[in-house]
């Protein structure tokens, strides 16, 4: 069986998510030639990204043990990141072939992998900054451009993809240096499944092993 690249790259989305949410500094918005309604929506979504970042920094730099900080982070993820939608997207066509029990198991494991990966990185983000820039509309979603900086590291261009499908703004993807992390994860899962008989149960078993090691 080939190396499970899907499970190592599964850390990419949480890594950038935690990196981007460490702290925020707002830059002037430049909406350009867009409608007033879109400009208002874009500004609101940019403010949403900034607000989430500020709440995360309060956890990162605040007092408390790792377990206490994990307990504080979980509500932020549940409220502001559409983890269920990301999980379904990453599984792709295999979501439709999975049984309801497999769907529930996979989604729960995806949540746990995401949370654990962010929790494991929290201590590394002191001093990280994010400048929120222009927000644009594409395919019914808002793309909020940011520039992430870290001490002694090159800056990174990251877009936060915001959906209002649930009736409120929620993060559904992160595009780092032009690469969609959800698309990358979806491709990795598809590759793993292709080498494992397209058996969702084997992916679930691999995710369980990953979680047990974290």
N, C-alpha and C. Protein backbone atom coordinates (compact mmCIF):
# COMPACT_ATOMS: atom_id res chain seq x y z
N UNK A 1 0.85 -1.20 0.00
CA UNK A 1 0.00 0.00 0.00
C UNK A 1 0.88 1.24 0.00
N UNK A 2 0.56 2.24 -0.82
CA UNK A 2 1.40 3.45 -0.89
C UNK A 2 1.30 4.25 0.39
N UNK A 3 2.25 5.11 0.56
CA UNK A 3 2.24 6.01 1.71
C UNK A 3 0.96 6.84 1.69
N UNK A 4 0.35 7.00 2.84
CA UNK A 4 -0.92 7.73 2.92
C UNK A 4 -0.63 9.21 2.93
N UNK A 5 -0.41 9.77 1.74
CA UNK A 5 -0.11 11.21 1.65
C UNK A 5 -1.28 12.03 2.14
N UNK A 6 -2.49 11.47 2.03
CA UNK A 6 -3.69 12.22 2.45
C UNK A 6 -3.64 12.58 3.92
N UNK A 7 -3.07 11.70 4.72
CA UNK A 7 -3.10 11.95 6.16
C UNK A 7 -2.01 12.92 6.58
N UNK A 8 -0.90 12.96 5.84
CA UNK A 8 0.10 13.98 6.16
C UNK A 8 -0.35 15.34 5.65
N UNK A 9 -0.93 15.37 4.46
CA UNK A 9 -1.38 16.65 3.92
C UNK A 9 -2.65 17.12 4.59
N UNK A 10 -3.31 16.25 5.33
CA UNK A 10 -4.50 16.67 6.07
C UNK A 10 -4.15 17.76 7.06
N UNK A 11 -2.88 17.88 7.40
CA UNK A 11 -2.45 18.90 8.34
C UNK A 11 -2.29 20.26 7.68
N UNK A 12 -2.32 20.32 6.35
CA UNK A 12 -2.08 21.59 5.67
C UNK A 12 -3.17 22.60 5.97
N UNK A 13 -4.42 22.17 5.82
CA UNK A 13 -5.51 23.12 6.04
C UNK A 13 -5.53 23.59 7.50
N UNK A 14 -5.47 22.70 8.49
CA UNK A 14 -5.41 23.19 9.87
C UNK A 14 -4.21 24.08 10.15
N UNK A 15 -3.05 23.76 9.55
CA UNK A 15 -1.85 24.56 9.79
C UNK A 15 -2.06 25.99 9.35
N UNK A 16 -2.56 26.18 8.11
CA UNK A 16 -2.76 27.54 7.60
C UNK A 16 -3.92 28.20 8.34
N UNK A 17 -4.93 27.42 8.70
CA UNK A 17 -6.06 27.97 9.44
C UNK A 17 -5.58 28.56 10.75
N UNK A 18 -4.79 27.80 11.48
CA UNK A 18 -4.28 28.30 12.75
C UNK A 18 -3.33 29.47 12.54
N UNK A 19 -2.50 29.38 11.51
CA UNK A 19 -1.56 30.45 11.21
C UNK A 19 -2.30 31.74 10.92
N UNK A 20 -3.33 31.66 10.10
CA UNK A 20 -4.05 32.86 9.70
C UNK A 20 -4.86 33.47 10.81
N UNK A 21 -5.29 32.65 11.77
CA UNK A 21 -6.16 33.16 12.82
C UNK A 21 -5.40 33.63 14.05
N UNK A 22 -4.09 33.64 13.96
CA UNK A 22 -3.31 33.99 15.14
C UNK A 22 -3.48 35.44 15.58
N UNK A 23 -3.52 36.38 14.64
CA UNK A 23 -3.68 37.79 14.98
C UNK A 23 -4.08 38.56 13.73
N UNK A 24 -4.61 39.76 13.87
CA UNK A 24 -5.08 40.50 12.69
C UNK A 24 -4.84 41.98 12.82
N UNK A 25 -4.49 42.63 11.69
CA UNK A 25 -4.38 44.08 11.57
C UNK A 25 -5.12 44.45 10.30
N UNK A 26 -6.08 45.33 10.38
CA UNK A 26 -6.90 45.66 9.22
C UNK A 26 -6.23 46.70 8.35
N UNK A 27 -6.22 46.44 7.02
CA UNK A 27 -5.73 47.39 6.04
C UNK A 27 -6.93 48.02 5.34
N UNK A 28 -6.76 49.19 4.67
CA UNK A 28 -7.87 49.81 3.97
C UNK A 28 -8.43 48.88 2.91
N UNK A 29 -9.75 48.79 2.84
CA UNK A 29 -10.40 48.00 1.81
C UNK A 29 -10.44 48.78 0.51
N UNK A 30 -10.28 48.08 -0.60
CA UNK A 30 -10.35 48.72 -1.91
C UNK A 30 -11.33 47.95 -2.78
N UNK A 31 -12.63 48.16 -2.60
CA UNK A 31 -13.62 47.36 -3.29
C UNK A 31 -13.65 47.56 -4.79
N UNK A 32 -13.23 48.70 -5.30
CA UNK A 32 -13.19 48.91 -6.74
C UNK A 32 -14.58 49.07 -7.33
N UNK A 33 -14.72 48.65 -8.61
CA UNK A 33 -15.97 48.85 -9.33
C UNK A 33 -16.92 47.69 -9.09
N UNK A 34 -17.50 47.62 -7.89
CA UNK A 34 -18.47 46.60 -7.56
C UNK A 34 -19.68 47.28 -6.99
N UNK A 35 -20.81 46.57 -6.94
CA UNK A 35 -22.04 47.16 -6.48
C UNK A 35 -21.95 47.51 -5.01
N UNK A 36 -22.85 48.42 -4.59
CA UNK A 36 -22.86 48.82 -3.18
C UNK A 36 -23.20 47.63 -2.29
N UNK A 37 -24.12 46.77 -2.77
CA UNK A 37 -24.50 45.60 -1.98
C UNK A 37 -23.32 44.66 -1.80
N UNK A 38 -22.58 44.43 -2.89
CA UNK A 38 -21.40 43.56 -2.79
C UNK A 38 -20.33 44.20 -1.92
N UNK A 39 -20.16 45.50 -2.05
CA UNK A 39 -19.16 46.19 -1.24
C UNK A 39 -19.48 46.04 0.24
N UNK A 40 -20.77 46.16 0.58
CA UNK A 40 -21.17 46.02 1.98
C UNK A 40 -20.94 44.59 2.46
N UNK A 41 -21.32 43.60 1.60
CA UNK A 41 -21.11 42.20 1.95
C UNK A 41 -19.64 41.88 2.10
N UNK A 42 -18.82 42.38 1.16
CA UNK A 42 -17.38 42.13 1.21
C UNK A 42 -16.76 42.70 2.48
N UNK A 43 -17.16 43.93 2.82
CA UNK A 43 -16.62 44.57 4.02
C UNK A 43 -17.03 43.78 5.26
N UNK A 44 -18.25 43.27 5.26
CA UNK A 44 -18.71 42.47 6.40
C UNK A 44 -17.93 41.19 6.54
N UNK A 45 -17.62 40.53 5.41
CA UNK A 45 -16.86 39.28 5.47
C UNK A 45 -15.41 39.53 5.87
N UNK A 46 -14.84 40.65 5.43
CA UNK A 46 -13.48 41.00 5.86
C UNK A 46 -13.46 41.25 7.36
N UNK A 47 -14.50 41.93 7.86
CA UNK A 47 -14.60 42.17 9.30
C UNK A 47 -14.78 40.86 10.06
N UNK A 48 -15.48 39.91 9.45
CA UNK A 48 -15.66 38.59 10.05
C UNK A 48 -14.32 37.89 10.24
N UNK A 49 -13.48 37.94 9.20
CA UNK A 49 -12.15 37.32 9.30
C UNK A 49 -11.33 37.99 10.40
N UNK A 50 -11.39 39.31 10.46
CA UNK A 50 -10.65 40.03 11.48
C UNK A 50 -11.15 39.67 12.88
N UNK A 51 -12.47 39.60 13.03
CA UNK A 51 -13.05 39.29 14.34
C UNK A 51 -12.63 37.91 14.83
N UNK A 52 -12.70 36.94 13.92
CA UNK A 52 -12.30 35.58 14.29
C UNK A 52 -10.84 35.54 14.69
N UNK A 53 -10.00 36.27 13.94
CA UNK A 53 -8.58 36.33 14.27
C UNK A 53 -8.35 36.91 15.66
N UNK A 54 -9.08 37.97 15.99
CA UNK A 54 -8.91 38.61 17.29
C UNK A 54 -9.33 37.68 18.43
N UNK A 55 -10.38 36.90 18.20
CA UNK A 55 -10.80 35.96 19.24
C UNK A 55 -9.81 34.83 19.41
N UNK A 56 -9.20 34.42 18.28
CA UNK A 56 -8.19 33.38 18.37
C UNK A 56 -6.94 33.86 19.11
N UNK A 57 -6.55 35.11 18.84
CA UNK A 57 -5.34 35.62 19.50
C UNK A 57 -5.54 35.72 21.01
N UNK A 58 -6.78 35.97 21.43
CA UNK A 58 -7.06 36.02 22.85
C UNK A 58 -6.81 34.67 23.51
N UNK A 59 -7.08 33.61 22.75
CA UNK A 59 -6.81 32.26 23.27
C UNK A 59 -5.32 31.96 23.22
N UNK A 60 -4.71 32.26 22.07
CA UNK A 60 -3.28 31.94 21.87
C UNK A 60 -2.41 32.62 22.92
N UNK A 61 -2.66 33.90 23.16
CA UNK A 61 -1.81 34.67 24.07
C UNK A 61 -2.33 34.71 25.50
N UNK A 62 -3.48 34.12 25.72
CA UNK A 62 -4.08 34.16 27.05
C UNK A 62 -3.52 33.11 27.99
N UNK A 63 -3.95 33.17 29.24
CA UNK A 63 -3.50 32.19 30.23
C UNK A 63 -4.22 30.86 30.05
N UNK A 64 -3.76 29.86 30.75
CA UNK A 64 -4.45 28.57 30.74
C UNK A 64 -3.59 27.47 30.16
N UNK A 65 -3.97 26.25 30.51
CA UNK A 65 -3.26 25.07 30.01
C UNK A 65 -3.66 24.78 28.58
N UNK A 66 -2.97 23.82 27.97
CA UNK A 66 -3.29 23.43 26.60
C UNK A 66 -4.72 22.89 26.52
N UNK A 67 -5.10 22.13 27.53
CA UNK A 67 -6.46 21.57 27.54
C UNK A 67 -7.50 22.67 27.66
N UNK A 68 -7.22 23.69 28.47
CA UNK A 68 -8.15 24.80 28.62
C UNK A 68 -8.27 25.60 27.33
N UNK A 69 -7.15 25.80 26.66
CA UNK A 69 -7.18 26.54 25.40
C UNK A 69 -7.92 25.75 24.32
N UNK A 70 -7.75 24.44 24.32
CA UNK A 70 -8.47 23.60 23.37
C UNK A 70 -9.98 23.75 23.58
N UNK A 71 -10.39 23.79 24.83
CA UNK A 71 -11.81 23.95 25.13
C UNK A 71 -12.34 25.30 24.66
N UNK A 72 -11.48 26.31 24.65
CA UNK A 72 -11.89 27.64 24.18
C UNK A 72 -11.92 27.73 22.66
N UNK A 73 -11.07 26.96 22.00
CA UNK A 73 -10.99 27.02 20.55
C UNK A 73 -12.16 26.29 19.89
N UNK A 74 -12.59 25.19 20.49
CA UNK A 74 -13.63 24.38 19.87
C UNK A 74 -14.89 25.17 19.51
N UNK A 75 -15.40 26.02 20.40
CA UNK A 75 -16.60 26.80 20.03
C UNK A 75 -16.35 27.74 18.85
N UNK A 76 -15.13 28.27 18.73
CA UNK A 76 -14.81 29.15 17.61
C UNK A 76 -14.89 28.38 16.29
N UNK A 77 -14.34 27.17 16.28
CA UNK A 77 -14.41 26.36 15.07
C UNK A 77 -15.85 26.00 14.74
N UNK A 78 -16.60 25.59 15.76
CA UNK A 78 -17.99 25.19 15.54
C UNK A 78 -18.82 26.34 14.99
N UNK A 79 -18.53 27.55 15.44
CA UNK A 79 -19.34 28.70 15.05
C UNK A 79 -18.91 29.30 13.72
N UNK A 80 -17.62 29.39 13.46
CA UNK A 80 -17.13 30.20 12.35
C UNK A 80 -16.50 29.42 11.20
N UNK A 81 -16.28 28.13 11.37
CA UNK A 81 -15.74 27.30 10.29
C UNK A 81 -16.76 26.21 9.99
N UNK A 82 -17.17 26.10 8.72
CA UNK A 82 -18.15 25.08 8.33
C UNK A 82 -17.40 23.77 8.10
N UNK A 83 -17.01 23.13 9.21
CA UNK A 83 -16.19 21.93 9.12
C UNK A 83 -16.95 20.80 8.43
N UNK A 84 -18.25 20.70 8.67
CA UNK A 84 -19.04 19.65 8.02
C UNK A 84 -18.99 19.80 6.50
N UNK A 85 -19.15 21.03 6.01
CA UNK A 85 -19.12 21.27 4.56
C UNK A 85 -17.74 20.97 3.99
N UNK A 86 -16.69 21.36 4.72
CA UNK A 86 -15.32 21.08 4.26
C UNK A 86 -15.09 19.57 4.20
N UNK A 87 -15.55 18.87 5.23
CA UNK A 87 -15.38 17.41 5.27
C UNK A 87 -16.08 16.75 4.10
N UNK A 88 -17.32 17.17 3.80
CA UNK A 88 -18.05 16.58 2.67
C UNK A 88 -17.33 16.87 1.35
N UNK A 89 -16.86 18.10 1.19
CA UNK A 89 -16.17 18.46 -0.04
C UNK A 89 -14.90 17.63 -0.21
N UNK A 90 -14.15 17.47 0.85
CA UNK A 90 -12.88 16.74 0.76
C UNK A 90 -13.09 15.27 0.43
N UNK A 91 -14.21 14.70 0.83
CA UNK A 91 -14.48 13.29 0.51
C UNK A 91 -14.97 13.14 -0.93
N UNK A 92 -15.46 14.23 -1.53
CA UNK A 92 -15.86 14.21 -2.94
C UNK A 92 -16.98 13.23 -3.23
N UNK A 93 -16.85 12.53 -4.35
CA UNK A 93 -17.92 11.63 -4.79
C UNK A 93 -18.12 10.47 -3.83
N UNK A 94 -17.11 10.20 -3.00
CA UNK A 94 -17.22 9.07 -2.08
C UNK A 94 -18.20 9.36 -0.95
N UNK A 95 -18.55 10.65 -0.76
CA UNK A 95 -19.56 10.97 0.24
C UNK A 95 -20.89 10.30 -0.11
N UNK A 96 -21.21 10.26 -1.40
CA UNK A 96 -22.49 9.69 -1.83
C UNK A 96 -22.49 8.16 -1.73
N UNK A 97 -21.33 7.53 -1.81
CA UNK A 97 -21.27 6.08 -1.74
C UNK A 97 -21.09 5.58 -0.31
N UNK A 98 -20.72 6.47 0.60
CA UNK A 98 -20.56 6.09 2.00
C UNK A 98 -21.92 5.85 2.65
N UNK A 99 -21.98 4.93 3.60
CA UNK A 99 -23.21 4.70 4.33
C UNK A 99 -23.42 5.85 5.32
N UNK A 100 -24.65 6.05 5.78
CA UNK A 100 -24.87 7.10 6.80
C UNK A 100 -23.96 6.95 8.01
N UNK A 101 -23.70 5.72 8.43
CA UNK A 101 -22.81 5.50 9.57
C UNK A 101 -21.38 5.92 9.23
N UNK A 102 -20.93 5.59 8.02
CA UNK A 102 -19.59 5.99 7.60
C UNK A 102 -19.48 7.51 7.49
N UNK A 103 -20.52 8.15 6.96
CA UNK A 103 -20.53 9.60 6.87
C UNK A 103 -20.37 10.23 8.25
N UNK A 104 -21.10 9.71 9.22
CA UNK A 104 -21.03 10.25 10.58
C UNK A 104 -19.65 10.01 11.19
N UNK A 105 -19.09 8.82 11.00
CA UNK A 105 -17.77 8.51 11.54
C UNK A 105 -16.69 9.39 10.92
N UNK A 106 -16.75 9.47 9.60
CA UNK A 106 -15.75 10.27 8.88
C UNK A 106 -15.82 11.73 9.29
N UNK A 107 -17.01 12.30 9.36
CA UNK A 107 -17.16 13.71 9.73
C UNK A 107 -16.64 13.97 11.13
N UNK A 108 -16.95 13.08 12.07
CA UNK A 108 -16.47 13.25 13.44
C UNK A 108 -14.95 13.19 13.50
N UNK A 109 -14.36 12.27 12.74
CA UNK A 109 -12.90 12.16 12.70
C UNK A 109 -12.27 13.38 12.05
N UNK A 110 -12.90 13.90 10.99
CA UNK A 110 -12.39 15.10 10.33
C UNK A 110 -12.36 16.26 11.32
N UNK A 111 -13.44 16.42 12.08
CA UNK A 111 -13.48 17.45 13.12
C UNK A 111 -12.31 17.28 14.09
N UNK A 112 -12.09 16.05 14.52
CA UNK A 112 -11.05 15.80 15.53
C UNK A 112 -9.66 16.07 14.98
N UNK A 113 -9.41 15.65 13.73
CA UNK A 113 -8.11 15.91 13.10
C UNK A 113 -7.86 17.40 12.99
N UNK A 114 -8.90 18.14 12.57
CA UNK A 114 -8.76 19.58 12.43
C UNK A 114 -8.45 20.24 13.77
N UNK A 115 -9.24 19.90 14.77
CA UNK A 115 -9.05 20.50 16.09
C UNK A 115 -7.69 20.15 16.68
N UNK A 116 -7.31 18.88 16.60
CA UNK A 116 -6.02 18.46 17.16
C UNK A 116 -4.86 19.16 16.47
N UNK A 117 -4.96 19.31 15.15
CA UNK A 117 -3.86 19.92 14.40
C UNK A 117 -3.69 21.39 14.78
N UNK A 118 -4.81 22.10 14.96
CA UNK A 118 -4.74 23.50 15.38
C UNK A 118 -4.21 23.60 16.80
N UNK A 119 -4.72 22.74 17.68
CA UNK A 119 -4.27 22.77 19.08
C UNK A 119 -2.78 22.53 19.19
N UNK A 120 -2.27 21.59 18.38
CA UNK A 120 -0.85 21.25 18.44
C UNK A 120 0.05 22.40 18.01
N UNK A 121 -0.49 23.35 17.23
CA UNK A 121 0.32 24.43 16.69
C UNK A 121 0.19 25.74 17.46
N UNK A 122 -0.70 25.80 18.43
CA UNK A 122 -1.00 27.08 19.06
C UNK A 122 0.23 27.79 19.61
N UNK A 123 1.12 27.03 20.23
CA UNK A 123 2.27 27.65 20.86
C UNK A 123 3.25 28.27 19.89
N UNK A 124 3.10 27.98 18.59
CA UNK A 124 4.06 28.47 17.59
C UNK A 124 3.67 29.81 16.98
N UNK A 125 2.52 30.38 17.36
CA UNK A 125 2.00 31.51 16.62
C UNK A 125 2.10 32.86 17.31
N UNK A 126 2.80 32.94 18.40
CA UNK A 126 2.99 34.24 19.02
C UNK A 126 3.82 35.13 18.08
N UNK A 127 3.35 36.36 17.89
CA UNK A 127 4.05 37.28 17.02
C UNK A 127 3.65 37.21 15.56
N UNK A 128 2.74 36.31 15.22
CA UNK A 128 2.29 36.19 13.85
C UNK A 128 1.28 37.30 13.56
N UNK A 129 1.31 37.86 12.35
CA UNK A 129 0.39 38.93 11.98
C UNK A 129 -0.31 38.64 10.68
N UNK A 130 -1.53 39.16 10.53
CA UNK A 130 -2.28 39.01 9.29
C UNK A 130 -2.88 40.35 8.92
N UNK A 131 -2.60 40.80 7.72
CA UNK A 131 -3.17 42.05 7.21
C UNK A 131 -4.34 41.72 6.30
N UNK A 132 -5.51 42.20 6.64
CA UNK A 132 -6.71 41.92 5.87
C UNK A 132 -6.85 42.97 4.76
N UNK A 133 -6.96 42.52 3.53
CA UNK A 133 -7.02 43.41 2.39
C UNK A 133 -8.34 43.34 1.65
N UNK A 134 -8.29 43.22 0.33
CA UNK A 134 -9.48 43.30 -0.51
C UNK A 134 -10.30 42.02 -0.43
N UNK A 135 -11.63 42.18 -0.48
CA UNK A 135 -12.55 41.06 -0.54
C UNK A 135 -13.29 41.10 -1.87
N UNK A 136 -13.42 39.96 -2.53
CA UNK A 136 -14.07 39.88 -3.83
C UNK A 136 -15.08 38.74 -3.85
N UNK A 137 -16.05 38.85 -4.76
CA UNK A 137 -17.07 37.82 -4.93
C UNK A 137 -16.72 36.90 -6.08
N UNK A 138 -16.92 35.60 -5.86
CA UNK A 138 -16.69 34.63 -6.94
C UNK A 138 -17.51 33.38 -6.65
N UNK A 139 -18.32 32.97 -7.62
CA UNK A 139 -19.12 31.75 -7.51
C UNK A 139 -19.95 31.71 -6.24
N UNK A 140 -20.51 32.85 -5.88
CA UNK A 140 -21.39 32.89 -4.72
C UNK A 140 -20.68 32.91 -3.39
N UNK A 141 -19.37 33.02 -3.40
CA UNK A 141 -18.60 33.07 -2.16
C UNK A 141 -17.76 34.33 -2.13
N UNK A 142 -17.29 34.69 -0.93
CA UNK A 142 -16.42 35.85 -0.78
C UNK A 142 -15.00 35.37 -0.50
N UNK A 143 -14.05 35.94 -1.23
CA UNK A 143 -12.64 35.63 -1.05
C UNK A 143 -11.98 36.83 -0.37
N UNK A 144 -11.56 36.65 0.86
CA UNK A 144 -10.93 37.73 1.62
C UNK A 144 -9.42 37.54 1.55
N UNK A 145 -8.74 38.49 0.91
CA UNK A 145 -7.29 38.41 0.73
C UNK A 145 -6.58 38.88 2.00
N UNK A 146 -5.56 38.15 2.39
CA UNK A 146 -4.76 38.54 3.55
C UNK A 146 -3.29 38.29 3.25
N UNK A 147 -2.44 38.97 3.99
CA UNK A 147 -1.00 38.71 3.94
C UNK A 147 -0.58 38.32 5.34
N UNK A 148 0.00 37.14 5.46
CA UNK A 148 0.39 36.61 6.76
C UNK A 148 1.90 36.76 6.92
N UNK A 149 2.29 37.26 8.07
CA UNK A 149 3.71 37.43 8.37
C UNK A 149 4.07 36.71 9.65
N UNK A 150 5.28 36.18 9.66
CA UNK A 150 5.80 35.53 10.86
C UNK A 150 7.22 36.03 11.10
N UNK A 151 7.62 36.14 12.34
CA UNK A 151 8.99 36.58 12.62
C UNK A 151 10.01 35.68 11.92
N UNK A 152 10.92 36.32 11.19
CA UNK A 152 12.01 35.61 10.51
C UNK A 152 11.54 34.64 9.44
N UNK A 153 10.33 34.86 8.90
CA UNK A 153 9.80 34.02 7.85
C UNK A 153 9.27 34.90 6.72
N UNK A 154 9.28 34.41 5.47
CA UNK A 154 8.70 35.20 4.38
C UNK A 154 7.20 35.32 4.54
N UNK A 155 6.64 36.39 4.01
CA UNK A 155 5.20 36.57 4.09
C UNK A 155 4.49 35.58 3.16
N UNK A 156 3.22 35.32 3.44
CA UNK A 156 2.42 34.40 2.62
C UNK A 156 1.10 35.05 2.27
N UNK A 157 0.69 34.89 1.01
CA UNK A 157 -0.60 35.40 0.57
C UNK A 157 -1.66 34.31 0.75
N UNK A 158 -2.67 34.61 1.53
CA UNK A 158 -3.70 33.63 1.85
C UNK A 158 -5.08 34.26 1.66
N UNK A 159 -5.96 33.55 0.97
CA UNK A 159 -7.35 33.97 0.82
C UNK A 159 -8.24 33.08 1.67
N UNK A 160 -9.17 33.72 2.38
CA UNK A 160 -10.14 33.00 3.19
C UNK A 160 -11.44 32.98 2.41
N UNK A 161 -11.97 31.80 2.15
CA UNK A 161 -13.18 31.65 1.35
C UNK A 161 -14.37 31.56 2.30
N UNK A 162 -15.29 32.50 2.15
CA UNK A 162 -16.43 32.62 3.06
C UNK A 162 -17.72 32.28 2.32
N UNK A 163 -18.53 31.42 2.93
CA UNK A 163 -19.83 31.06 2.40
C UNK A 163 -20.92 31.51 3.36
N UNK A 164 -22.09 31.85 2.81
CA UNK A 164 -23.24 32.21 3.62
C UNK A 164 -24.34 31.16 3.49
N UNK A 165 -23.98 29.95 3.08
CA UNK A 165 -24.97 28.89 2.84
C UNK A 165 -25.77 28.54 4.09
N UNK A 166 -25.16 28.72 5.26
CA UNK A 166 -25.86 28.38 6.50
C UNK A 166 -26.65 29.56 7.06
N UNK A 167 -26.58 30.70 6.36
CA UNK A 167 -27.28 31.89 6.82
C UNK A 167 -26.38 32.86 7.56
N UNK A 168 -25.15 32.46 7.79
CA UNK A 168 -24.16 33.34 8.43
C UNK A 168 -22.81 33.07 7.80
N UNK A 169 -21.88 34.03 7.86
CA UNK A 169 -20.57 33.81 7.24
C UNK A 169 -19.79 32.71 7.95
N UNK A 170 -19.25 31.79 7.16
CA UNK A 170 -18.44 30.72 7.72
C UNK A 170 -17.33 30.39 6.72
N UNK A 171 -16.15 30.05 7.24
CA UNK A 171 -15.02 29.69 6.40
C UNK A 171 -15.24 28.30 5.82
N UNK A 172 -15.07 28.17 4.48
CA UNK A 172 -15.23 26.88 3.82
C UNK A 172 -13.97 26.44 3.07
N UNK A 173 -12.98 27.33 2.98
CA UNK A 173 -11.72 26.94 2.33
C UNK A 173 -10.67 27.99 2.63
N UNK A 174 -9.41 27.60 2.44
CA UNK A 174 -8.27 28.49 2.55
C UNK A 174 -7.43 28.30 1.31
N UNK A 175 -7.12 29.41 0.62
CA UNK A 175 -6.30 29.35 -0.60
C UNK A 175 -4.95 29.99 -0.27
N UNK A 176 -3.93 29.16 -0.16
CA UNK A 176 -2.60 29.62 0.23
C UNK A 176 -1.70 29.68 -0.99
N UNK A 177 -1.22 30.89 -1.31
CA UNK A 177 -0.35 31.09 -2.48
C UNK A 177 -0.97 30.49 -3.73
N UNK A 178 -2.28 30.68 -3.90
CA UNK A 178 -2.98 30.23 -5.10
C UNK A 178 -3.44 28.79 -5.08
N UNK A 179 -3.15 28.06 -4.01
CA UNK A 179 -3.51 26.65 -3.94
C UNK A 179 -4.65 26.46 -2.94
N UNK A 180 -5.77 25.90 -3.41
CA UNK A 180 -6.89 25.59 -2.52
C UNK A 180 -6.53 24.38 -1.67
N UNK A 181 -6.56 24.57 -0.35
CA UNK A 181 -6.19 23.48 0.53
C UNK A 181 -7.27 22.40 0.59
N UNK A 182 -8.53 22.80 0.43
CA UNK A 182 -9.61 21.81 0.39
C UNK A 182 -9.51 20.95 -0.87
N UNK A 183 -9.19 21.59 -2.01
CA UNK A 183 -9.02 20.83 -3.25
C UNK A 183 -7.83 19.87 -3.15
N UNK A 184 -6.76 20.34 -2.51
CA UNK A 184 -5.59 19.48 -2.32
C UNK A 184 -5.93 18.29 -1.45
N UNK A 185 -6.67 18.55 -0.36
CA UNK A 185 -7.07 17.46 0.53
C UNK A 185 -7.99 16.48 -0.18
N UNK A 186 -8.90 17.02 -0.99
CA UNK A 186 -9.83 16.16 -1.74
C UNK A 186 -9.07 15.25 -2.69
N UNK A 187 -8.06 15.80 -3.38
CA UNK A 187 -7.25 15.02 -4.30
C UNK A 187 -6.48 13.93 -3.56
N UNK A 188 -5.96 14.27 -2.38
CA UNK A 188 -5.20 13.30 -1.60
C UNK A 188 -6.09 12.16 -1.11
N UNK A 189 -7.28 12.49 -0.65
CA UNK A 189 -8.21 11.45 -0.21
C UNK A 189 -8.59 10.54 -1.38
N UNK A 190 -8.85 11.15 -2.55
CA UNK A 190 -9.21 10.37 -3.73
C UNK A 190 -8.08 9.42 -4.11
N UNK A 191 -6.84 9.91 -4.02
CA UNK A 191 -5.68 9.07 -4.34
C UNK A 191 -5.57 7.91 -3.35
N UNK A 192 -5.74 8.20 -2.07
CA UNK A 192 -5.69 7.14 -1.06
C UNK A 192 -6.76 6.09 -1.33
N UNK A 193 -7.98 6.53 -1.59
CA UNK A 193 -9.08 5.60 -1.81
C UNK A 193 -8.87 4.79 -3.09
N UNK A 194 -8.29 5.41 -4.13
CA UNK A 194 -8.04 4.70 -5.38
C UNK A 194 -7.07 3.54 -5.16
N UNK A 195 -6.16 3.69 -4.19
CA UNK A 195 -5.20 2.63 -3.89
C UNK A 195 -5.70 1.68 -2.81
N UNK A 196 -6.93 1.91 -2.36
CA UNK A 196 -7.49 1.07 -1.29
C UNK A 196 -8.91 0.63 -1.64
N UNK A 197 -9.09 0.29 -2.92
CA UNK A 197 -10.35 -0.28 -3.35
C UNK A 197 -11.55 0.64 -3.26
N UNK A 198 -11.30 1.95 -3.23
CA UNK A 198 -12.39 2.93 -3.08
C UNK A 198 -13.25 2.63 -1.85
N UNK A 199 -12.59 2.12 -0.82
CA UNK A 199 -13.28 1.72 0.41
C UNK A 199 -13.19 2.83 1.44
N UNK A 200 -14.30 3.52 1.68
CA UNK A 200 -14.31 4.61 2.65
C UNK A 200 -13.97 4.09 4.04
N UNK A 201 -14.30 2.85 4.32
CA UNK A 201 -13.98 2.26 5.62
C UNK A 201 -12.48 2.26 5.89
N UNK A 202 -11.67 2.07 4.85
CA UNK A 202 -10.22 2.07 5.03
C UNK A 202 -9.71 3.48 5.33
N UNK A 203 -10.32 4.48 4.72
CA UNK A 203 -9.94 5.86 5.04
C UNK A 203 -10.31 6.18 6.49
N UNK A 204 -11.48 5.74 6.90
CA UNK A 204 -11.91 5.97 8.29
C UNK A 204 -10.94 5.30 9.26
N UNK A 205 -10.53 4.07 8.93
CA UNK A 205 -9.59 3.35 9.80
C UNK A 205 -8.26 4.09 9.87
N UNK A 206 -7.79 4.63 8.73
CA UNK A 206 -6.53 5.37 8.72
C UNK A 206 -6.64 6.65 9.54
N UNK A 207 -7.78 7.34 9.43
CA UNK A 207 -7.99 8.56 10.23
C UNK A 207 -8.04 8.23 11.72
N UNK A 208 -8.64 7.10 12.07
CA UNK A 208 -8.67 6.68 13.48
C UNK A 208 -7.26 6.47 14.00
N UNK A 209 -6.42 5.83 13.17
CA UNK A 209 -5.02 5.60 13.59
C UNK A 209 -4.30 6.93 13.78
N UNK A 210 -4.56 7.87 12.86
CA UNK A 210 -3.92 9.18 12.98
C UNK A 210 -4.33 9.87 14.26
N UNK A 211 -5.61 9.86 14.56
CA UNK A 211 -6.12 10.51 15.76
C UNK A 211 -5.53 9.85 17.02
N UNK A 212 -5.41 8.54 17.00
CA UNK A 212 -4.88 7.82 18.18
C UNK A 212 -3.43 8.15 18.45
N UNK A 213 -2.70 8.59 17.40
CA UNK A 213 -1.29 8.93 17.57
C UNK A 213 -1.09 10.38 18.01
N UNK A 214 -2.12 11.20 17.92
CA UNK A 214 -1.97 12.63 18.22
C UNK A 214 -2.23 12.92 19.68
